């Protein structure tokens, strides 16, 4: 289907099962995660968007269902910080090695602390995250994602 990406190589190295799903990426979509869910024919709460932020100036990775909005106050609190803000796209791209619209939480150039919104993992047997390219999603079990990322969960929305 698609060539290997740093995200798929990270899962392969960890021995975590997954499947790849390509879709027609719309660069003009207002909300890329919602567009991905629609294109894949899955519920928006099963497609997690990857957000890069900074807490007290230190980069962090956040995963939240594509139909939800993150609370920066909750993000700061979850990391024990005072303030949180989204990274600007060029900074997120430099840090992760991916282009905006194709940022995967997996296989980033530099590992950063990762939080997954607790509510985003509650009901799904399988979820989708960006596969490291625009129009490429990885489907896997939530527990496997937590393991692969060495992530914590916390309420972020």
N, C-alpha and C. Protein backbone atom coordinates (compact mmCIF):
# COMPACT_ATOMS: atom_id res chain seq x y z
N UNK A 1 0.84 -1.19 0.00
CA UNK A 1 0.00 0.00 0.00
C UNK A 1 0.87 1.24 0.00
N UNK A 2 1.34 1.65 1.13
CA UNK A 2 2.18 2.85 1.23
C UNK A 2 3.58 2.44 1.67
N UNK A 3 4.52 3.29 1.37
CA UNK A 3 5.88 3.00 1.79
C UNK A 3 6.00 3.16 3.31
N UNK A 4 7.02 2.59 3.86
CA UNK A 4 7.25 2.68 5.29
C UNK A 4 7.53 4.13 5.69
N UNK A 5 7.08 4.48 6.88
CA UNK A 5 7.33 5.79 7.46
C UNK A 5 8.02 5.57 8.79
N UNK A 6 8.57 6.61 9.39
CA UNK A 6 9.14 6.43 10.73
C UNK A 6 8.10 5.87 11.72
N UNK A 7 6.84 6.22 11.53
CA UNK A 7 5.78 5.72 12.42
C UNK A 7 5.60 4.22 12.27
N UNK A 8 5.53 3.74 11.03
CA UNK A 8 5.34 2.31 10.83
C UNK A 8 6.59 1.53 11.25
N UNK A 9 7.76 2.11 11.01
CA UNK A 9 8.99 1.43 11.44
C UNK A 9 9.04 1.32 12.97
N UNK A 10 8.56 2.33 13.69
CA UNK A 10 8.54 2.28 15.16
C UNK A 10 7.62 1.15 15.64
N UNK A 11 6.47 1.01 15.00
CA UNK A 11 5.55 -0.07 15.38
C UNK A 11 6.12 -1.44 15.03
N UNK A 12 6.73 -1.54 13.85
CA UNK A 12 7.35 -2.81 13.45
C UNK A 12 8.44 -3.21 14.44
N UNK A 13 9.27 -2.26 14.82
CA UNK A 13 10.37 -2.53 15.76
C UNK A 13 9.83 -2.99 17.11
N UNK A 14 8.70 -2.41 17.53
CA UNK A 14 8.09 -2.78 18.82
C UNK A 14 7.25 -4.05 18.72
N UNK A 15 7.05 -4.57 17.51
CA UNK A 15 6.25 -5.78 17.34
C UNK A 15 4.77 -5.56 17.57
N UNK A 16 4.30 -4.36 17.33
CA UNK A 16 2.89 -4.02 17.57
C UNK A 16 2.10 -4.15 16.27
N UNK A 17 1.00 -4.92 16.30
CA UNK A 17 0.19 -5.09 15.09
C UNK A 17 -0.60 -3.81 14.76
N UNK A 18 -0.73 -3.55 13.47
CA UNK A 18 -1.46 -2.37 12.99
C UNK A 18 -1.84 -2.60 11.54
N UNK A 19 -2.69 -1.75 11.05
CA UNK A 19 -2.98 -1.75 9.62
C UNK A 19 -2.93 -0.31 9.12
N UNK A 20 -2.54 -0.15 7.85
CA UNK A 20 -2.45 1.17 7.23
C UNK A 20 -3.68 1.43 6.39
N UNK A 21 -4.12 2.68 6.41
CA UNK A 21 -5.31 3.08 5.65
C UNK A 21 -5.05 4.42 4.98
N UNK A 22 -5.02 4.38 3.66
CA UNK A 22 -4.83 5.61 2.88
C UNK A 22 -6.19 6.21 2.55
N UNK A 23 -6.23 7.51 2.44
CA UNK A 23 -7.46 8.20 2.07
C UNK A 23 -7.10 9.46 1.29
N UNK A 24 -8.09 10.04 0.64
CA UNK A 24 -7.87 11.26 -0.14
C UNK A 24 -7.78 12.45 0.80
N UNK A 25 -6.57 12.90 1.05
CA UNK A 25 -6.31 14.02 1.95
C UNK A 25 -6.78 15.32 1.30
N UNK A 26 -7.50 16.13 2.06
CA UNK A 26 -7.98 17.43 1.58
C UNK A 26 -7.22 18.53 2.31
N UNK A 27 -6.24 19.18 1.66
CA UNK A 27 -5.46 20.21 2.34
C UNK A 27 -6.28 21.44 2.71
N UNK A 28 -7.46 21.58 2.13
CA UNK A 28 -8.32 22.73 2.43
C UNK A 28 -9.36 22.43 3.51
N UNK A 29 -9.35 21.23 4.05
CA UNK A 29 -10.33 20.87 5.09
C UNK A 29 -10.12 21.76 6.31
N UNK A 30 -11.22 22.20 6.89
CA UNK A 30 -11.14 23.05 8.08
C UNK A 30 -10.57 22.27 9.26
N UNK A 31 -10.97 21.01 9.39
CA UNK A 31 -10.50 20.17 10.48
C UNK A 31 -10.05 18.85 9.88
N UNK A 32 -8.74 18.66 9.79
CA UNK A 32 -8.15 17.53 9.10
C UNK A 32 -8.58 16.20 9.71
N UNK A 33 -8.64 16.12 11.03
CA UNK A 33 -9.04 14.87 11.68
C UNK A 33 -10.46 14.47 11.32
N UNK A 34 -11.36 15.43 11.27
CA UNK A 34 -12.75 15.13 10.91
C UNK A 34 -12.84 14.70 9.45
N UNK A 35 -12.05 15.34 8.60
CA UNK A 35 -12.03 14.96 7.19
C UNK A 35 -11.50 13.54 7.04
N UNK A 36 -10.48 13.18 7.82
CA UNK A 36 -9.92 11.82 7.76
C UNK A 36 -10.97 10.80 8.20
N UNK A 37 -11.69 11.10 9.28
CA UNK A 37 -12.72 10.18 9.77
C UNK A 37 -13.80 9.96 8.70
N UNK A 38 -14.23 11.05 8.09
CA UNK A 38 -15.26 10.94 7.06
C UNK A 38 -14.75 10.13 5.87
N UNK A 39 -13.54 10.41 5.43
CA UNK A 39 -12.97 9.70 4.28
C UNK A 39 -12.79 8.21 4.56
N UNK A 40 -12.49 7.87 5.82
CA UNK A 40 -12.28 6.47 6.19
C UNK A 40 -13.58 5.77 6.56
N UNK A 41 -14.65 6.56 6.73
CA UNK A 41 -15.93 5.97 7.10
C UNK A 41 -15.98 5.49 8.54
N UNK A 42 -15.26 6.19 9.43
CA UNK A 42 -15.27 5.82 10.85
C UNK A 42 -15.76 7.01 11.68
N UNK A 43 -16.18 6.73 12.87
CA UNK A 43 -16.65 7.77 13.77
C UNK A 43 -15.50 8.71 14.13
N UNK A 44 -15.75 10.03 14.20
CA UNK A 44 -14.68 10.99 14.52
C UNK A 44 -14.00 10.73 15.86
N UNK A 45 -14.70 10.08 16.79
CA UNK A 45 -14.07 9.82 18.09
C UNK A 45 -13.07 8.68 18.02
N UNK A 46 -12.99 8.01 16.87
CA UNK A 46 -12.01 6.92 16.70
C UNK A 46 -10.76 7.37 15.94
N UNK A 47 -10.74 8.61 15.50
CA UNK A 47 -9.57 9.16 14.83
C UNK A 47 -8.94 10.19 15.77
N UNK A 48 -7.76 9.88 16.27
CA UNK A 48 -7.08 10.79 17.19
C UNK A 48 -6.18 11.74 16.42
N UNK A 49 -6.34 13.03 16.70
CA UNK A 49 -5.46 14.01 16.08
C UNK A 49 -4.23 14.19 16.97
N UNK A 50 -3.11 14.45 16.32
CA UNK A 50 -1.85 14.67 17.01
C UNK A 50 -1.61 16.17 17.10
N UNK A 51 -1.46 16.67 18.31
CA UNK A 51 -1.22 18.09 18.54
C UNK A 51 0.12 18.24 19.24
N UNK A 52 0.90 19.19 18.78
CA UNK A 52 2.18 19.47 19.41
C UNK A 52 2.04 20.79 20.17
N UNK A 53 2.40 20.74 21.43
CA UNK A 53 2.26 21.92 22.30
C UNK A 53 3.52 22.08 23.13
N UNK A 54 3.52 23.14 23.93
CA UNK A 54 4.61 23.36 24.88
C UNK A 54 3.98 23.66 26.23
N UNK A 55 4.54 23.06 27.26
CA UNK A 55 4.13 23.33 28.64
C UNK A 55 5.33 23.96 29.32
N UNK A 56 5.13 25.18 29.78
CA UNK A 56 6.23 25.95 30.38
C UNK A 56 7.46 25.96 29.46
N UNK A 57 7.21 26.05 28.15
CA UNK A 57 8.28 26.14 27.17
C UNK A 57 8.87 24.82 26.71
N UNK A 58 8.42 23.69 27.28
CA UNK A 58 8.95 22.37 26.90
C UNK A 58 7.95 21.64 26.02
N UNK A 59 8.41 21.06 24.89
CA UNK A 59 7.49 20.42 23.96
C UNK A 59 6.84 19.16 24.52
N UNK A 60 5.58 18.97 24.13
CA UNK A 60 4.81 17.79 24.50
C UNK A 60 3.95 17.39 23.30
N UNK A 61 3.52 16.15 23.29
CA UNK A 61 2.63 15.64 22.26
C UNK A 61 1.31 15.28 22.91
N UNK A 62 0.22 15.65 22.25
CA UNK A 62 -1.13 15.40 22.76
C UNK A 62 -1.92 14.64 21.71
N UNK A 63 -2.71 13.68 22.17
CA UNK A 63 -3.61 12.96 21.27
C UNK A 63 -5.02 13.09 21.81
N UNK A 64 -5.91 13.52 20.93
CA UNK A 64 -7.29 13.74 21.32
C UNK A 64 -8.19 13.40 20.15
N UNK A 65 -9.40 12.92 20.43
CA UNK A 65 -10.35 12.58 19.38
C UNK A 65 -10.56 13.77 18.46
N UNK A 66 -10.69 13.49 17.17
CA UNK A 66 -10.77 14.56 16.17
C UNK A 66 -11.98 15.47 16.34
N UNK A 67 -12.99 15.02 17.07
CA UNK A 67 -14.19 15.85 17.25
C UNK A 67 -14.18 16.61 18.58
N UNK A 68 -13.04 16.62 19.25
CA UNK A 68 -12.94 17.32 20.55
C UNK A 68 -11.90 18.42 20.49
N UNK A 69 -12.02 19.37 21.41
CA UNK A 69 -11.06 20.47 21.53
C UNK A 69 -10.30 20.31 22.84
N UNK A 70 -9.01 20.54 22.80
CA UNK A 70 -8.17 20.39 23.97
C UNK A 70 -8.24 21.66 24.84
N UNK A 71 -8.17 21.47 26.13
CA UNK A 71 -8.13 22.59 27.08
C UNK A 71 -6.68 22.81 27.50
N UNK A 72 -6.14 23.97 27.20
CA UNK A 72 -4.74 24.24 27.55
C UNK A 72 -4.54 24.27 29.06
N UNK A 73 -5.55 24.66 29.81
CA UNK A 73 -5.44 24.62 31.27
C UNK A 73 -5.27 23.18 31.75
N UNK A 74 -6.04 22.27 31.16
CA UNK A 74 -5.93 20.86 31.54
C UNK A 74 -4.58 20.27 31.13
N UNK A 75 -4.10 20.69 29.97
CA UNK A 75 -2.79 20.21 29.49
C UNK A 75 -1.70 20.64 30.46
N UNK A 76 -1.69 21.92 30.82
CA UNK A 76 -0.68 22.42 31.76
C UNK A 76 -0.76 21.65 33.08
N UNK A 77 -1.97 21.49 33.59
CA UNK A 77 -2.14 20.79 34.87
C UNK A 77 -1.68 19.34 34.77
N UNK A 78 -1.98 18.66 33.67
CA UNK A 78 -1.61 17.25 33.52
C UNK A 78 -0.10 17.06 33.51
N UNK A 79 0.63 18.06 33.04
CA UNK A 79 2.09 17.99 33.03
C UNK A 79 2.71 18.68 34.24
N UNK A 80 1.89 19.17 35.16
CA UNK A 80 2.40 19.84 36.35
C UNK A 80 3.00 21.20 36.04
N UNK A 81 2.51 21.84 34.97
CA UNK A 81 3.04 23.14 34.56
C UNK A 81 2.09 24.27 34.86
N UNK A 82 2.55 25.47 34.55
CA UNK A 82 1.74 26.66 34.78
C UNK A 82 0.98 27.11 33.54
N UNK A 83 1.61 26.92 32.35
CA UNK A 83 0.95 27.37 31.13
C UNK A 83 1.26 26.41 29.98
N UNK A 84 0.34 26.39 29.01
CA UNK A 84 0.50 25.55 27.83
C UNK A 84 0.02 26.33 26.62
N UNK A 85 0.67 26.07 25.48
CA UNK A 85 0.29 26.71 24.23
C UNK A 85 0.65 25.78 23.08
N UNK A 86 -0.10 25.87 22.00
CA UNK A 86 0.19 25.08 20.81
C UNK A 86 1.49 25.57 20.18
N UNK A 87 2.27 24.64 19.62
CA UNK A 87 3.46 25.02 18.88
C UNK A 87 3.05 25.58 17.52
N UNK A 88 3.82 26.50 17.01
CA UNK A 88 3.59 27.01 15.66
C UNK A 88 3.95 25.90 14.67
N UNK A 89 3.26 25.81 13.52
CA UNK A 89 3.52 24.73 12.57
C UNK A 89 5.00 24.52 12.21
N UNK A 90 5.80 25.56 11.91
CA UNK A 90 7.20 25.29 11.58
C UNK A 90 7.97 24.63 12.73
N UNK A 91 7.65 25.02 13.95
CA UNK A 91 8.33 24.43 15.11
C UNK A 91 7.91 22.98 15.29
N UNK A 92 6.62 22.68 15.10
CA UNK A 92 6.13 21.31 15.21
C UNK A 92 6.78 20.42 14.14
N UNK A 93 6.91 20.95 12.93
CA UNK A 93 7.54 20.18 11.86
C UNK A 93 9.02 19.92 12.14
N UNK A 94 9.72 20.92 12.61
CA UNK A 94 11.15 20.77 12.92
C UNK A 94 11.35 19.75 14.03
N UNK A 95 10.51 19.80 15.03
CA UNK A 95 10.63 18.92 16.19
C UNK A 95 10.31 17.46 15.85
N UNK A 96 9.26 17.26 15.05
CA UNK A 96 8.79 15.90 14.78
C UNK A 96 9.41 15.25 13.55
N UNK A 97 9.82 16.07 12.58
CA UNK A 97 10.29 15.53 11.32
C UNK A 97 9.17 15.24 10.35
N UNK A 98 7.96 15.59 10.70
CA UNK A 98 6.79 15.40 9.84
C UNK A 98 6.24 16.76 9.41
N UNK A 99 5.42 16.75 8.34
CA UNK A 99 4.75 17.95 7.89
C UNK A 99 3.38 18.06 8.56
N UNK A 100 2.93 19.27 8.86
CA UNK A 100 1.60 19.48 9.42
C UNK A 100 0.58 18.83 8.49
N UNK A 101 -0.37 18.13 9.09
CA UNK A 101 -1.34 17.34 8.32
C UNK A 101 -0.89 15.90 8.20
N UNK A 102 0.36 15.64 8.56
CA UNK A 102 0.92 14.30 8.52
C UNK A 102 1.75 13.99 9.74
N UNK A 103 1.54 14.74 10.83
CA UNK A 103 2.32 14.51 12.05
C UNK A 103 1.77 13.31 12.79
N UNK A 104 2.61 12.32 12.95
CA UNK A 104 2.26 11.12 13.71
C UNK A 104 2.84 11.24 15.11
N UNK A 105 2.16 10.65 16.09
CA UNK A 105 2.75 10.62 17.43
C UNK A 105 3.89 9.59 17.50
N UNK A 106 3.94 8.71 16.52
CA UNK A 106 4.92 7.62 16.49
C UNK A 106 6.10 7.99 15.61
N UNK A 107 7.29 7.59 16.01
CA UNK A 107 8.47 7.77 15.17
C UNK A 107 8.91 9.20 14.99
N UNK A 108 8.59 10.06 15.95
CA UNK A 108 9.02 11.45 15.83
C UNK A 108 10.53 11.55 15.95
N UNK A 109 11.09 12.58 15.35
CA UNK A 109 12.53 12.80 15.34
C UNK A 109 13.08 12.88 16.77
N UNK A 110 12.33 13.51 17.64
CA UNK A 110 12.74 13.66 19.03
C UNK A 110 11.58 13.24 19.93
N UNK A 111 11.81 12.27 20.79
CA UNK A 111 10.76 11.80 21.69
C UNK A 111 10.44 12.88 22.72
N UNK A 112 9.16 13.13 22.91
CA UNK A 112 8.71 14.10 23.91
C UNK A 112 7.62 13.43 24.75
N UNK A 113 7.39 13.93 25.96
CA UNK A 113 6.32 13.36 26.77
C UNK A 113 4.99 13.43 26.02
N UNK A 114 4.22 12.34 26.12
CA UNK A 114 2.96 12.24 25.38
C UNK A 114 1.81 11.93 26.32
N UNK A 115 0.72 12.66 26.12
CA UNK A 115 -0.53 12.43 26.85
C UNK A 115 -1.63 12.13 25.85
N UNK A 116 -2.46 11.16 26.20
CA UNK A 116 -3.64 10.84 25.40
C UNK A 116 -4.86 11.21 26.24
N UNK A 117 -5.79 11.92 25.63
CA UNK A 117 -7.01 12.29 26.34
C UNK A 117 -7.72 11.02 26.80
N UNK A 118 -7.95 10.92 28.11
CA UNK A 118 -8.54 9.72 28.69
C UNK A 118 -9.88 9.38 28.03
N UNK A 119 -10.68 10.38 27.76
CA UNK A 119 -11.98 10.14 27.14
C UNK A 119 -11.90 9.62 25.72
N UNK A 120 -10.75 9.76 25.08
CA UNK A 120 -10.60 9.33 23.69
C UNK A 120 -10.34 7.84 23.56
N UNK A 121 -10.08 7.16 24.65
CA UNK A 121 -9.78 5.74 24.58
C UNK A 121 -10.88 4.87 25.18
N UNK A 122 -11.91 5.49 25.72
CA UNK A 122 -12.91 4.77 26.51
C UNK A 122 -13.66 3.66 25.77
N UNK A 123 -14.15 3.95 24.58
CA UNK A 123 -15.09 3.02 23.96
C UNK A 123 -14.55 2.26 22.76
N UNK A 124 -13.47 2.70 22.19
CA UNK A 124 -13.02 2.11 20.93
C UNK A 124 -12.16 0.87 21.13
N UNK A 125 -12.45 -0.16 20.34
CA UNK A 125 -11.58 -1.33 20.31
C UNK A 125 -10.36 -1.05 19.47
N UNK A 126 -10.55 -0.21 18.45
CA UNK A 126 -9.45 0.20 17.59
C UNK A 126 -9.58 1.70 17.33
N UNK A 127 -8.42 2.34 17.18
CA UNK A 127 -8.39 3.77 16.90
C UNK A 127 -7.46 4.01 15.73
N UNK A 128 -7.54 5.21 15.19
CA UNK A 128 -6.66 5.62 14.10
C UNK A 128 -5.81 6.79 14.56
N UNK A 129 -4.54 6.78 14.18
CA UNK A 129 -3.65 7.92 14.37
C UNK A 129 -2.93 8.15 13.05
N UNK A 130 -2.39 9.33 12.88
CA UNK A 130 -1.69 9.64 11.65
C UNK A 130 -0.51 8.69 11.46
N UNK A 131 -0.33 8.26 10.23
CA UNK A 131 0.73 7.29 9.91
C UNK A 131 2.04 7.91 9.48
N UNK A 132 2.13 9.24 9.54
CA UNK A 132 3.38 9.89 9.19
C UNK A 132 3.37 10.51 7.80
N UNK A 133 2.20 10.64 7.24
CA UNK A 133 2.06 11.28 5.93
C UNK A 133 0.64 11.77 5.75
N UNK A 134 0.48 12.79 4.97
CA UNK A 134 -0.86 13.31 4.69
C UNK A 134 -1.64 12.24 3.93
N UNK A 135 -2.82 11.91 4.44
CA UNK A 135 -3.65 10.90 3.80
C UNK A 135 -3.30 9.47 4.19
N UNK A 136 -2.62 9.30 5.32
CA UNK A 136 -2.24 7.96 5.78
C UNK A 136 -2.55 7.83 7.26
N UNK A 137 -3.37 6.86 7.60
CA UNK A 137 -3.73 6.60 8.99
C UNK A 137 -3.32 5.18 9.37
N UNK A 138 -2.97 5.03 10.64
CA UNK A 138 -2.65 3.72 11.22
C UNK A 138 -3.79 3.34 12.14
N UNK A 139 -4.29 2.12 11.97
CA UNK A 139 -5.33 1.60 12.88
C UNK A 139 -4.68 0.59 13.82
N UNK A 140 -4.92 0.76 15.12
CA UNK A 140 -4.36 -0.15 16.12
C UNK A 140 -5.20 -0.11 17.39
N UNK A 141 -4.90 -1.01 18.29
CA UNK A 141 -5.63 -1.05 19.57
C UNK A 141 -5.13 0.07 20.47
N UNK A 142 -6.03 0.69 21.24
CA UNK A 142 -5.61 1.78 22.13
C UNK A 142 -4.49 1.39 23.09
N UNK A 143 -4.57 0.21 23.68
CA UNK A 143 -3.53 -0.22 24.63
C UNK A 143 -2.17 -0.33 23.94
N UNK A 144 -2.17 -0.75 22.68
CA UNK A 144 -0.90 -0.85 21.94
C UNK A 144 -0.32 0.53 21.67
N UNK A 145 -1.20 1.51 21.40
CA UNK A 145 -0.72 2.87 21.19
C UNK A 145 -0.08 3.42 22.46
N UNK A 146 -0.74 3.21 23.59
CA UNK A 146 -0.20 3.68 24.87
C UNK A 146 1.17 3.06 25.11
N UNK A 147 1.29 1.75 24.85
CA UNK A 147 2.56 1.06 25.03
C UNK A 147 3.63 1.61 24.09
N UNK A 148 3.30 1.74 22.82
CA UNK A 148 4.28 2.20 21.83
C UNK A 148 4.81 3.59 22.15
N UNK A 149 3.94 4.45 22.67
CA UNK A 149 4.33 5.83 22.96
C UNK A 149 4.84 6.03 24.38
N UNK A 150 4.72 5.00 25.20
CA UNK A 150 5.00 5.15 26.63
C UNK A 150 4.25 6.36 27.16
N UNK A 151 2.99 6.43 26.74
CA UNK A 151 2.13 7.59 27.04
C UNK A 151 1.36 7.38 28.33
N UNK A 152 0.93 8.51 28.85
CA UNK A 152 0.00 8.53 29.97
C UNK A 152 -1.35 9.01 29.44
N UNK A 153 -2.39 8.75 30.21
CA UNK A 153 -3.69 9.30 29.87
C UNK A 153 -4.10 10.30 30.95
N UNK A 154 -4.86 11.29 30.52
CA UNK A 154 -5.38 12.30 31.43
C UNK A 154 -6.52 13.01 30.71
N UNK A 155 -7.44 13.58 31.47
CA UNK A 155 -8.50 14.37 30.82
C UNK A 155 -7.93 15.66 30.24
N UNK A 156 -8.04 15.81 28.93
CA UNK A 156 -7.46 16.99 28.25
C UNK A 156 -8.51 17.86 27.59
N UNK A 157 -9.75 17.38 27.53
CA UNK A 157 -10.81 18.15 26.85
C UNK A 157 -11.85 18.66 27.82
